[in-house]
PDB file of N, CA and C in Angstrom:
ATOM      1  N   UNK A   1      14.097  15.542 105.316  1.00  0.00           N
ATOM      2  CA  UNK A   1      15.154  14.541 105.622  1.00  0.00           C
ATOM      3  C   UNK A   1      14.901  13.565 106.758  1.00  0.00           C
ATOM      4  N   UNK A   2      15.262  12.271 106.461  1.00  0.00           N
ATOM      5  CA  UNK A   2      14.848  11.312 107.444  1.00  0.00           C
ATOM      6  C   UNK A   2      15.828  11.366 108.583  1.00  0.00           C
ATOM      7  N   UNK A   3      15.557  10.945 109.902  1.00  0.00           N
ATOM      8  CA  UNK A   3      16.217  10.977 110.991  1.00  0.00           C
ATOM      9  C   UNK A   3      17.724  10.369 110.659  1.00  0.00           C
ATOM     10  N   UNK A   4      17.616   9.203 109.967  1.00  0.00           N
ATOM     11  CA  UNK A   4      18.846   8.361 109.716  1.00  0.00           C
ATOM     12  C   UNK A   4      19.861   9.424 108.772  1.00  0.00           C
ATOM     13  N   UNK A   5      19.210   9.945 107.857  1.00  0.00           N
ATOM     14  CA  UNK A   5      20.153  11.046 106.911  1.00  0.00           C
ATOM     15  C   UNK A   5      20.534  11.998 107.833  1.00  0.00           C
ATOM     16  N   UNK A   6      19.912  12.609 108.703  1.00  0.00           N
ATOM     17  CA  UNK A   6      20.339  13.758 109.515  1.00  0.00           C
ATOM     18  C   UNK A   6      21.543  13.273 110.327  1.00  0.00           C
ATOM     19  N   UNK A   7      21.381  11.994 111.039  1.00  0.00           N
ATOM     20  CA  UNK A   7      22.469  11.458 111.761  1.00  0.00           C
ATOM     21  C   UNK A   7      23.605  11.292 110.982  1.00  0.00           C
ATOM     22  N   UNK A   8      23.578  10.618 109.779  1.00  0.00           N
ATOM     23  CA  UNK A   8      24.491  10.465 108.764  1.00  0.00           C
ATOM     24  C   UNK A   8      25.463  11.669 108.492  1.00  0.00           C
ATOM     25  N   UNK A   9      24.640  12.808 108.287  1.00  0.00           N
ATOM     26  CA  UNK A   9      25.127  14.172 107.861  1.00  0.00           C
ATOM     27  C   UNK A   9      25.998  14.551 109.117  1.00  0.00           C
ATOM     28  N   UNK A  10      25.416  14.427 110.137  1.00  0.00           N
ATOM     29  CA  UNK A  10      26.226  15.068 111.387  1.00  0.00           C
ATOM     30  C   UNK A  10      27.408  14.306 111.739  1.00  0.00           C
ATOM     31  N   UNK A  11      27.426  12.934 111.507  1.00  0.00           N
ATOM     32  CA  UNK A  11      28.559  12.080 111.628  1.00  0.00           C
ATOM     33  C   UNK A  11      29.777  12.552 110.689  1.00  0.00           C
ATOM     34  N   UNK A  12      29.096  12.752 109.354  1.00  0.00           N
ATOM     35  CA  UNK A  12      30.038  13.275 108.340  1.00  0.00           C
ATOM     36  C   UNK A  12      30.665  14.703 108.772  1.00  0.00           C
ATOM     37  N   UNK A  13      29.911  15.662 109.149  1.00  0.00           N
ATOM     38  CA  UNK A  13      30.363  16.704 109.591  1.00  0.00           C
ATOM     39  C   UNK A  13      31.495  16.666 110.734  1.00  0.00           C
ATOM     40  N   UNK A  14      31.290  15.838 111.650  1.00  0.00           N
ATOM     41  CA  UNK A  14      32.159  15.738 112.839  1.00  0.00           C
ATOM     42  C   UNK A  14      33.368  14.903 112.331  1.00  0.00           C
ATOM     43  N   UNK A  15      33.268  14.254 111.294  1.00  0.00           N
ATOM     44  CA  UNK A  15      34.646  13.748 110.793  1.00  0.00           C
ATOM     45  C   UNK A  15      35.557  14.791 110.112  1.00  0.00           C
ATOM     46  N   UNK A  16      34.880  15.721 109.403  1.00  0.00           N
ATOM     47  CA  UNK A  16      35.444  16.730 108.804  1.00  0.00           C
ATOM     48  C   UNK A  16      36.082  17.650 109.688  1.00  0.00           C
ATOM     49  N   UNK A  17      35.326  18.134 110.760  1.00  0.00           N
ATOM     50  CA  UNK A  17      35.823  18.986 111.781  1.00  0.00           C
ATOM     51  C   UNK A  17      36.946  18.321 112.627  1.00  0.00           C
ATOM     52  N   UNK A  18      36.887  16.912 112.934  1.00  0.00           N
ATOM     53  CA  UNK A  18      37.836  16.330 113.604  1.00  0.00           C
ATOM     54  C   UNK A  18      39.186  16.293 112.694  1.00  0.00           C
ATOM     55  N   UNK A  19      38.923  16.037 111.398  1.00  0.00           N
ATOM     56  CA  UNK A  19      40.030  16.198 110.590  1.00  0.00           C
ATOM     57  C   UNK A  19      40.805  17.331 110.554  1.00  0.00           C
ATOM     58  N   UNK A  20      40.172  18.471 110.382  1.00  0.00           N
ATOM     59  CA  UNK A  20      40.683  19.945 110.496  1.00  0.00           C
ATOM     60  C   UNK A  20      41.473  20.099 111.811  1.00  0.00           C
ATOM     61  N   UNK A  21      40.858  19.616 112.801  1.00  0.00           N
ATOM     62  CA  UNK A  21      41.320  19.996 114.153  1.00  0.00           C
ATOM     63  C   UNK A  21      42.778  19.244 114.265  1.00  0.00           C
ATOM     64  N   UNK A  22      42.681  18.058 113.699  1.00  0.00           N
ATOM     65  CA  UNK A  22      43.934  17.210 113.778  1.00  0.00           C
ATOM     66  C   UNK A  22      45.135  17.877 112.807  1.00  0.00           C
ATOM     67  N   UNK A  23      44.831  18.518 111.788  1.00  0.00           N
ATOM     68  CA  UNK A  23      45.803  19.324 110.981  1.00  0.00           C
ATOM     69  C   UNK A  23      46.394  20.436 112.028  1.00  0.00           C
ATOM     70  N   UNK A  24      45.405  21.035 112.476  1.00  0.00           N
ATOM     71  CA  UNK A  24      45.798  22.246 113.396  1.00  0.00           C
ATOM     72  C   UNK A  24      46.602  21.746 114.593  1.00  0.00           C
ATOM     73  N   UNK A  25      46.271  20.618 115.126  1.00  0.00           N
ATOM     74  CA  UNK A  25      47.215  20.144 116.148  1.00  0.00           C
ATOM     75  C   UNK A  25      48.464  19.309 115.568  1.00  0.00           C
ATOM     76  N   UNK A  26      48.703  19.328 114.475  1.00  0.00           N
ATOM     77  CA  UNK A  26      49.998  18.768 113.736  1.00  0.00           C
ATOM     78  C   UNK A  26      49.885  17.260 113.858  1.00  0.00           C
ATOM     79  N   UNK A  27      48.715  16.646 114.095  1.00  0.00           N
ATOM     80  CA  UNK A  27      48.521  15.090 114.183  1.00  0.00           C
ATOM     81  C   UNK A  27      48.163  14.705 112.639  1.00  0.00           C
ATOM     82  N   UNK A  28      49.149  14.916 111.654  1.00  0.00           N
ATOM     83  CA  UNK A  28      48.865  14.651 110.311  1.00  0.00           C
ATOM     84  C   UNK A  28      48.390  13.291 109.904  1.00  0.00           C
ATOM     85  N   UNK A  29      48.993  12.200 110.301  1.00  0.00           N
ATOM     86  CA  UNK A  29      48.540  10.797 110.080  1.00  0.00           C
ATOM     87  C   UNK A  29      46.971  10.900 110.510  1.00  0.00           C
ATOM     88  N   UNK A  30      46.746  11.152 111.719  1.00  0.00           N
ATOM     89  CA  UNK A  30      45.377  11.055 112.065  1.00  0.00           C
ATOM     90  C   UNK A  30      44.269  12.085 111.103  1.00  0.00           C
ATOM     91  N   UNK A  31      44.857  13.116 110.722  1.00  0.00           N
ATOM     92  CA  UNK A  31      43.998  13.908 109.885  1.00  0.00           C
ATOM     93  C   UNK A  31      43.767  13.302 108.743  1.00  0.00           C
ATOM     94  N   UNK A  32      44.558  12.561 108.189  1.00  0.00           N
ATOM     95  CA  UNK A  32      44.616  11.918 106.838  1.00  0.00           C
ATOM     96  C   UNK A  32      43.421  10.862 106.832  1.00  0.00           C
ATOM     97  N   UNK A  33      43.677  10.161 108.238  1.00  0.00           N
ATOM     98  CA  UNK A  33      42.682   8.986 108.221  1.00  0.00           C
ATOM     99  C   UNK A  33      41.261   9.470 108.320  1.00  0.00           C
ATOM    100  N   UNK A  34      40.929  10.738 108.821  1.00  0.00           N
ATOM    101  CA  UNK A  34      39.489  11.474 108.656  1.00  0.00           C
ATOM    102  C   UNK A  34      39.273  11.898 107.337  1.00  0.00           C
ATOM    103  N   UNK A  35      40.206  12.626 106.725  1.00  0.00           N
ATOM    104  CA  UNK A  35      39.978  13.613 105.538  1.00  0.00           C
ATOM    105  C   UNK A  35      40.184  12.962 104.348  1.00  0.00           C
ATOM    106  N   UNK A  36      40.983  11.984 104.030  1.00  0.00           N
ATOM    107  CA  UNK A  36      41.159  11.489 102.615  1.00  0.00           C
ATOM    108  C   UNK A  36      39.981  10.552 102.190  1.00  0.00           C
ATOM    109  N   UNK A  37      39.243   9.772 103.047  1.00  0.00           N
ATOM    110  CA  UNK A  37      37.989   9.040 102.574  1.00  0.00           C
ATOM    111  C   UNK A  37      36.968   9.998 102.305  1.00  0.00           C
ATOM    112  N   UNK A  38      36.989  11.318 102.843  1.00  0.00           N
ATOM    113  CA  UNK A  38      36.013  12.053 102.547  1.00  0.00           C
ATOM    114  C   UNK A  38      36.036  12.898 101.136  1.00  0.00           C
ATOM    115  N   UNK A  39      37.147  13.092 100.610  1.00  0.00           N
ATOM    116  CA  UNK A  39      37.272  13.828  99.523  1.00  0.00           C
ATOM    117  C   UNK A  39      36.525  13.296  98.269  1.00  0.00           C
ATOM    118  N   UNK A  40      36.390  12.063  98.012  1.00  0.00           N
ATOM    119  CA  UNK A  40      35.558  11.388  97.107  1.00  0.00           C
ATOM    120  C   UNK A  40      33.962  11.679  97.329  1.00  0.00           C
ATOM    121  N   UNK A  41      33.846  11.836  98.569  1.00  0.00           N
ATOM    122  CA  UNK A  41      32.152  12.092  98.782  1.00  0.00           C
ATOM    123  C   UNK A  41      31.905  13.561  98.961  1.00  0.00           C
ATOM    124  N   UNK A  42      32.731  14.433  99.280  1.00  0.00           N
ATOM    125  CA  UNK A  42      32.576  15.870  99.440  1.00  0.00           C
ATOM    126  C   UNK A  42      33.084  16.737  98.456  1.00  0.00           C
ATOM    127  N   UNK A  43      33.847  16.262  97.576  1.00  0.00           N
ATOM    128  CA  UNK A  43      34.350  17.110  96.330  1.00  0.00           C
ATOM    129  C   UNK A  43      34.163  16.469  95.066  1.00  0.00           C
ATOM    130  N   UNK A  44      33.826  17.344  94.088  1.00  0.00           N
ATOM    131  CA  UNK A  44      33.537  16.831  92.789  1.00  0.00           C
ATOM    132  C   UNK A  44      34.010  17.973  91.694  1.00  0.00           C
ATOM    133  N   UNK A  45      33.979  17.749  90.597  1.00  0.00           N
ATOM    134  CA  UNK A  45      34.220  18.710  89.509  1.00  0.00           C
ATOM    135  C   UNK A  45      33.076  19.882  89.533  1.00  0.00           C
ATOM    136  N   UNK A  46      31.815  19.393  89.741  1.00  0.00           N
ATOM    137  CA  UNK A  46      30.750  20.429  89.648  1.00  0.00           C
ATOM    138  C   UNK A  46      30.497  21.167  91.107  1.00  0.00           C
ATOM    139  N   UNK A  47      31.137  20.425  92.192  1.00  0.00           N
ATOM    140  CA  UNK A  47      30.837  21.057  93.433  1.00  0.00           C
ATOM    141  C   UNK A  47      32.447  20.917  94.127  1.00  0.00           C
ATOM    142  N   UNK A  48      33.398  21.785  93.876  1.00  0.00           N
ATOM    143  CA  UNK A  48      34.480  21.771  94.380  1.00  0.00           C
ATOM    144  C   UNK A  48      34.710  22.042  95.834  1.00  0.00           C
ATOM    145  N   UNK A  49      35.461  21.329  96.528  1.00  0.00           N
ATOM    146  CA  UNK A  49      35.633  21.621  98.047  1.00  0.00           C
ATOM    147  C   UNK A  49      37.061  21.955  98.173  1.00  0.00           C
ATOM    148  N   UNK A  50      37.283  23.333  98.021  1.00  0.00           N
ATOM    149  CA  UNK A  50      38.714  23.798  98.039  1.00  0.00           C
ATOM    150  C   UNK A  50      39.346  23.629  99.425  1.00  0.00           C
ATOM    151  N   UNK A  51      38.511  23.865 100.540  1.00  0.00           N
ATOM    152  CA  UNK A  51      38.977  23.874 101.926  1.00  0.00           C
ATOM    153  C   UNK A  51      39.340  22.412 102.194  1.00  0.00           C
ATOM    154  N   UNK A  52      38.494  21.467 101.903  1.00  0.00           N
ATOM    155  CA  UNK A  52      38.755  19.941 102.204  1.00  0.00           C
ATOM    156  C   UNK A  52      40.135  19.609 101.514  1.00  0.00           C
ATOM    157  N   UNK A  53      40.096  20.023 100.311  1.00  0.00           N
ATOM    158  CA  UNK A  53      41.308  19.495  99.430  1.00  0.00           C
ATOM    159  C   UNK A  53      42.631  20.235 100.105  1.00  0.00           C
ATOM    160  N   UNK A  54      42.593  21.540 100.347  1.00  0.00           N
ATOM    161  CA  UNK A  54      43.734  22.111 101.084  1.00  0.00           C
ATOM    162  C   UNK A  54      44.170  21.469 102.398  1.00  0.00           C
ATOM    163  N   UNK A  55      43.097  21.261 103.235  1.00  0.00           N
ATOM    164  CA  UNK A  55      43.414  20.506 104.512  1.00  0.00           C
ATOM    165  C   UNK A  55      44.030  19.116 104.178  1.00  0.00           C
ATOM    166  N   UNK A  56      43.498  18.500 103.182  1.00  0.00           N
ATOM    167  CA  UNK A  56      44.019  17.064 102.839  1.00  0.00           C
ATOM    168  C   UNK A  56      45.460  17.150 102.482  1.00  0.00           C
ATOM    169  N   UNK A  57      45.646  18.083 101.590  1.00  0.00           N
ATOM    170  CA  UNK A  57      46.998  18.297 101.074  1.00  0.00           C
ATOM    171  C   UNK A  57      48.079  18.478 102.243  1.00  0.00           C
ATOM    172  N   UNK A  58      47.609  19.466 103.080  1.00  0.00           N
ATOM    173  CA  UNK A  58      48.503  19.903 104.253  1.00  0.00           C
ATOM    174  C   UNK A  58      48.782  18.652 105.139  1.00  0.00           C
ATOM    175  N   UNK A  59      47.754  17.808 105.374  1.00  0.00           N
ATOM    176  CA  UNK A  59      47.885  16.490 106.082  1.00  0.00           C
ATOM    177  C   UNK A  59      48.829  15.535 105.459  1.00  0.00           C
ATOM    178  N   UNK A  60      48.735  15.457 104.173  1.00  0.00           N
ATOM    179  CA  UNK A  60      49.542  14.555 103.440  1.00  0.00           C
ATOM    180  C   UNK A  60      50.988  14.888 103.482  1.00  0.00           C
ATOM    181  N   UNK A  61      51.337  16.264 103.239  1.00  0.00           N
ATOM    182  CA  UNK A  61      52.533  16.678 103.161  1.00  0.00           C
ATOM    183  C   UNK A  61      53.230  16.532 104.554  1.00  0.00           C
ATOM    184  N   UNK A  62      52.458  16.741 105.542  1.00  0.00           N
ATOM    185  CA  UNK A  62      52.936  16.861 106.980  1.00  0.00           C
ATOM    186  C   UNK A  62      53.097  15.388 107.437  1.00  0.00           C
ATOM    187  N   UNK A  63      52.518  14.369 106.883  1.00  0.00           N
ATOM    188  CA  UNK A  63      52.681  13.014 106.935  1.00  0.00           C
ATOM    189  C   UNK A  63      53.590  12.356 106.074  1.00  0.00           C
ATOM    190  N   UNK A  64      54.192  13.087 105.246  1.00  0.00           N
ATOM    191  CA  UNK A  64      55.190  12.827 104.466  1.00  0.00           C
ATOM    192  C   UNK A  64      54.720  11.843 103.060  1.00  0.00           C
ATOM    193  N   UNK A  65      53.485  12.037 102.758  1.00  0.00           N
ATOM    194  CA  UNK A  65      53.008  11.355 101.717  1.00  0.00           C
ATOM    195  C   UNK A  65      52.971  12.153 100.503  1.00  0.00           C
ATOM    196  N   UNK A  66      54.237  12.119  99.802  1.00  0.00           N
ATOM    197  CA  UNK A  66      54.453  13.198  98.794  1.00  0.00           C
ATOM    198  C   UNK A  66      53.479  12.901  97.539  1.00  0.00           C
ATOM    199  N   UNK A  67      53.461  11.632  97.104  1.00  0.00           N
ATOM    200  CA  UNK A  67      52.555  11.288  96.014  1.00  0.00           C
ATOM    201  C   UNK A  67      51.238  11.726  96.207  1.00  0.00           C
ATOM    202  N   UNK A  68      50.627  11.500  97.415  1.00  0.00           N
ATOM    203  CA  UNK A  68      49.276  11.806  97.649  1.00  0.00           C
ATOM    204  C   UNK A  68      49.175  13.380  97.832  1.00  0.00           C
ATOM    205  N   UNK A  69      50.278  14.100  98.164  1.00  0.00           N
ATOM    206  CA  UNK A  69      50.277  15.457  98.257  1.00  0.00           C
ATOM    207  C   UNK A  69      50.183  16.173  96.916  1.00  0.00           C
ATOM    208  N   UNK A  70      50.939  15.576  96.041  1.00  0.00           N
ATOM    209  CA  UNK A  70      51.130  16.089  94.631  1.00  0.00           C
ATOM    210  C   UNK A  70      49.849  15.758  93.939  1.00  0.00           C
ATOM    211  N   UNK A  71      49.174  14.739  94.096  1.00  0.00           N
ATOM    212  CA  UNK A  71      47.974  14.310  93.532  1.00  0.00           C
ATOM    213  C   UNK A  71      46.914  15.270  93.907  1.00  0.00           C
ATOM    214  N   UNK A  72      46.741  15.430  95.334  1.00  0.00           N
ATOM    215  CA  UNK A  72      45.758  16.533  95.875  1.00  0.00           C
ATOM    216  C   UNK A  72      46.180  17.919  95.412  1.00  0.00           C
ATOM    217  N   UNK A  73      47.311  18.202  95.361  1.00  0.00           N
ATOM    218  CA  UNK A  73      47.720  19.616  94.880  1.00  0.00           C
ATOM    219  C   UNK A  73      47.283  19.927  93.477  1.00  0.00           C
ATOM    220  N   UNK A  74      47.405  18.902  92.663  1.00  0.00           N
ATOM    221  CA  UNK A  74      47.078  19.004  91.201  1.00  0.00           C
ATOM    222  C   UNK A  74      45.719  19.243  90.961  1.00  0.00           C
ATOM    223  N   UNK A  75      44.826  18.589  91.921  1.00  0.00           N
ATOM    224  CA  UNK A  75      43.451  18.586  91.856  1.00  0.00           C
ATOM    225  C   UNK A  75      43.051  20.015  92.474  1.00  0.00           C
ATOM    226  N   UNK A  76      43.658  20.408  93.495  1.00  0.00           N
ATOM    227  CA  UNK A  76      43.386  21.715  94.065  1.00  0.00           C
ATOM    228  C   UNK A  76      43.632  22.877  93.011  1.00  0.00           C
ATOM    229  N   UNK A  77      44.726  22.816  92.258  1.00  0.00           N
ATOM    230  CA  UNK A  77      45.082  23.855  91.369  1.00  0.00           C
ATOM    231  C   UNK A  77      44.029  24.086  90.389  1.00  0.00           C
ATOM    232  N   UNK A  78      43.239  23.098  90.087  1.00  0.00           N
ATOM    233  CA  UNK A  78      42.100  23.157  88.981  1.00  0.00           C
ATOM    234  C   UNK A  78      40.896  24.122  89.426  1.00  0.00           C
ATOM    235  N   UNK A  79      40.848  24.474  90.692  1.00  0.00           N
ATOM    236  CA  UNK A  79      39.551  25.203  91.162  1.00  0.00           C
ATOM    237  C   UNK A  79      40.034  26.778  91.922  1.00  0.00           C
ATOM    238  N   UNK A  80      39.288  27.637  91.696  1.00  0.00           N
ATOM    239  CA  UNK A  80      39.387  29.085  92.242  1.00  0.00           C
ATOM    240  C   UNK A  80      38.983  28.969  93.535  1.00  0.00           C
ATOM    241  N   UNK A  81      39.782  29.758  94.423  1.00  0.00           N
ATOM    242  CA  UNK A  81      39.080  29.873  95.787  1.00  0.00           C
ATOM    243  C   UNK A  81      38.103  31.031  95.620  1.00  0.00           C
ATOM    244  N   UNK A  82      36.945  30.755  96.382  1.00  0.00           N
ATOM    245  CA  UNK A  82      35.918  31.688  96.510  1.00  0.00           C
ATOM    246  C   UNK A  82      35.802  32.657  97.792  1.00  0.00           C
ATOM    247  N   UNK A  83      36.541  32.210  98.895  1.00  0.00           N
ATOM    248  CA  UNK A  83      36.445  33.049 100.111  1.00  0.00           C
ATOM    249  C   UNK A  83      37.903  33.347 100.469  1.00  0.00           C
ATOM    250  N   UNK A  84      37.925  34.313 101.241  1.00  0.00           N
ATOM    251  CA  UNK A  84      39.191  34.636 101.787  1.00  0.00           C
ATOM    252  C   UNK A  84      40.021  33.559 102.475  1.00  0.00           C
ATOM    253  N   UNK A  85      39.236  32.841 103.392  1.00  0.00           N
ATOM    254  CA  UNK A  85      39.835  31.493 103.948  1.00  0.00           C
ATOM    255  C   UNK A  85      40.384  30.654 102.929  1.00  0.00           C
ATOM    256  N   UNK A  86      39.833  30.429 101.762  1.00  0.00           N
ATOM    257  CA  UNK A  86      40.208  29.360 100.822  1.00  0.00           C
ATOM    258  C   UNK A  86      41.256  29.955 100.161  1.00  0.00           C
ATOM    259  N   UNK A  87      41.408  31.319  99.896  1.00  0.00           N
ATOM    260  CA  UNK A  87      42.691  31.871  99.326  1.00  0.00           C
ATOM    261  C   UNK A  87      43.781  31.675 100.214  1.00  0.00           C
ATOM    262  N   UNK A  88      43.707  31.841 101.506  1.00  0.00           N
ATOM    263  CA  UNK A  88      44.881  31.647 102.390  1.00  0.00           C
ATOM    264  C   UNK A  88      45.265  30.133 102.458  1.00  0.00           C
ATOM    265  N   UNK A  89      44.261  29.214 102.536  1.00  0.00           N
ATOM    266  CA  UNK A  89      44.694  27.907 102.526  1.00  0.00           C
ATOM    267  C   UNK A  89      45.318  27.415 101.134  1.00  0.00           C
ATOM    268  N   UNK A  90      44.889  28.006 100.016  1.00  0.00           N
ATOM    269  CA  UNK A  90      45.492  27.557  98.765  1.00  0.00           C
ATOM    270  C   UNK A  90      47.042  28.234  98.866  1.00  0.00           C
ATOM    271  N   UNK A  91      47.107  29.415  99.288  1.00  0.00           N
ATOM    272  CA  UNK A  91      48.453  30.170  99.332  1.00  0.00           C
ATOM    273  C   UNK A  91      49.378  29.123 100.163  1.00  0.00           C
ATOM    274  N   UNK A  92      48.857  28.667 101.332  1.00  0.00           N
ATOM    275  CA  UNK A  92      49.602  27.841 102.218  1.00  0.00           C
ATOM    276  C   UNK A  92      50.072  26.579 101.529  1.00  0.00           C
ATOM    277  N   UNK A  93      49.178  25.968 100.771  1.00  0.00           N
ATOM    278  CA  UNK A  93      49.567  24.758 100.041  1.00  0.00           C
ATOM    279  C   UNK A  93      50.547  25.062  99.035  1.00  0.00           C
ATOM    280  N   UNK A  94      50.375  26.233  98.288  1.00  0.00           N
ATOM    281  CA  UNK A  94      51.381  26.671  97.270  1.00  0.00           C
ATOM    282  C   UNK A  94      52.740  26.652  97.777  1.00  0.00           C
ATOM    283  N   UNK A  95      52.817  27.358  98.974  1.00  0.00           N
ATOM    284  CA  UNK A  95      54.188  27.628  99.573  1.00  0.00           C
ATOM    285  C   UNK A  95      54.742  26.148  99.841  1.00  0.00           C
ATOM    286  N   UNK A  96      53.971  25.338 100.345  1.00  0.00           N
ATOM    287  CA  UNK A  96      54.421  23.827 100.847  1.00  0.00           C
ATOM    288  C   UNK A  96      54.923  23.165  99.431  1.00  0.00           C
ATOM    289  N   UNK A  97      54.237  23.252  98.371  1.00  0.00           N
ATOM    290  CA  UNK A  97      54.688  22.862  97.141  1.00  0.00           C
ATOM    291  C   UNK A  97      55.911  23.423  96.882  1.00  0.00           C
ATOM    292  N   UNK A  98      56.176  24.747  96.784  1.00  0.00           N
ATOM    293  CA  UNK A  98      57.266  25.462  96.501  1.00  0.00           C
ATOM    294  C   UNK A  98      58.409  24.917  97.358  1.00  0.00           C
ATOM    295  N   UNK A  99      58.154  24.766  98.591  1.00  0.00           N
ATOM    296  CA  UNK A  99      59.228  24.305  99.523  1.00  0.00           C
ATOM    297  C   UNK A  99      59.581  22.728  99.140  1.00  0.00           C
ATOM    298  N   UNK A 100      58.681  22.018  98.912  1.00  0.00           N
ATOM    299  CA  UNK A 100      58.794  20.595  98.526  1.00  0.00           C
ATOM    300  C   UNK A 100      59.766  20.590  97.309  1.00  0.00           C
ATOM    301  N   UNK A 101      59.309  21.290  96.107  1.00  0.00           N
ATOM    302  CA  UNK A 101      60.292  21.429  95.125  1.00  0.00           C
ATOM    303  C   UNK A 101      61.692  21.836  95.272  1.00  0.00           C
ATOM    304  N   UNK A 102      61.748  22.700  96.241  1.00  0.00           N
ATOM    305  CA  UNK A 102      63.274  23.297  96.527  1.00  0.00           C
ATOM    306  C   UNK A 102      64.060  22.154  97.099  1.00  0.00           C
ATOM    307  N   UNK A 103      63.436  21.441  98.109  1.00  0.00           N
ATOM    308  CA  UNK A 103      64.084  20.401  98.730  1.00  0.00           C
ATOM    309  C   UNK A 103      64.394  19.144  97.881  1.00  0.00           C
ATOM    310  N   UNK A 104      63.463  18.901  96.905  1.00  0.00           N
ATOM    311  CA  UNK A 104      63.722  17.846  95.957  1.00  0.00           C
ATOM    312  C   UNK A 104      64.968  18.411  94.939  1.00  0.00           C
ATOM    313  N   UNK A 105      64.893  19.432  94.586  1.00  0.00           N
ATOM    314  CA  UNK A 105      65.924  19.953  93.663  1.00  0.00           C
ATOM    315  C   UNK A 105      67.327  19.897  94.453  1.00  0.00           C
ATOM    316  N   UNK A 106      67.303  20.393  95.699  1.00  0.00           N
ATOM    317  CA  UNK A 106      68.582  20.427  96.374  1.00  0.00           C
ATOM    318  C   UNK A 106      69.018  18.876  96.658  1.00  0.00           C
ATOM    319  N   UNK A 107      68.324  17.984  96.682  1.00  0.00           N
ATOM    320  CA  UNK A 107      68.702  16.552  96.792  1.00  0.00           C
ATOM    321  C   UNK A 107      69.172  15.885  95.449  1.00  0.00           C
ATOM    322  N   UNK A 108      69.039  16.535  94.271  1.00  0.00           N
ATOM    323  CA  UNK A 108      69.568  15.838  93.115  1.00  0.00           C
ATOM    324  C   UNK A 108      71.069  16.094  93.129  1.00  0.00           C
ATOM    325  N   UNK A 109      71.603  15.059  92.642  1.00  0.00           N
ATOM    326  CA  UNK A 109      73.199  15.249  92.384  1.00  0.00           C
ATOM    327  C   UNK A 109      73.456  16.325  91.422  1.00  0.00           C
ATOM    328  N   UNK A 110      74.785  16.915  91.523  1.00  0.00           N
ATOM    329  CA  UNK A 110      75.156  17.817  90.455  1.00  0.00           C
ATOM    330  C   UNK A 110      75.622  17.140  89.399  1.00  0.00           C
ATOM    331  N   UNK A 111      75.096  17.651  88.293  1.00  0.00           N
ATOM    332  CA  UNK A 111      75.168  17.136  87.043  1.00  0.00           C
ATOM    333  C   UNK A 111      76.216  18.086  86.124  1.00  0.00           C
TER     334      UNK A 111
END
């Protein structure tokens, strides 16, 4: 690999780590700025990135981007978790989805 490629990969890795840290620090808007642009680069049908999708979904719901969260959640559900960490992340996102649906249902007027 050329030096430029190595540096580009290091920069990419730093963005991912920074995004994950921002989620842990509950700075969801900042996390979205780091993570959302990376999804198209680091996730695909043939090489799913469950961890990145999970963190992106958490950042989106934390930043109240409901439509973004639902789109990312739908994509995430298509893939199986392969590690214990991924299982836990997917479970956390599932819980957030369930909570969101409960809140939305509670807001509907009684018919």
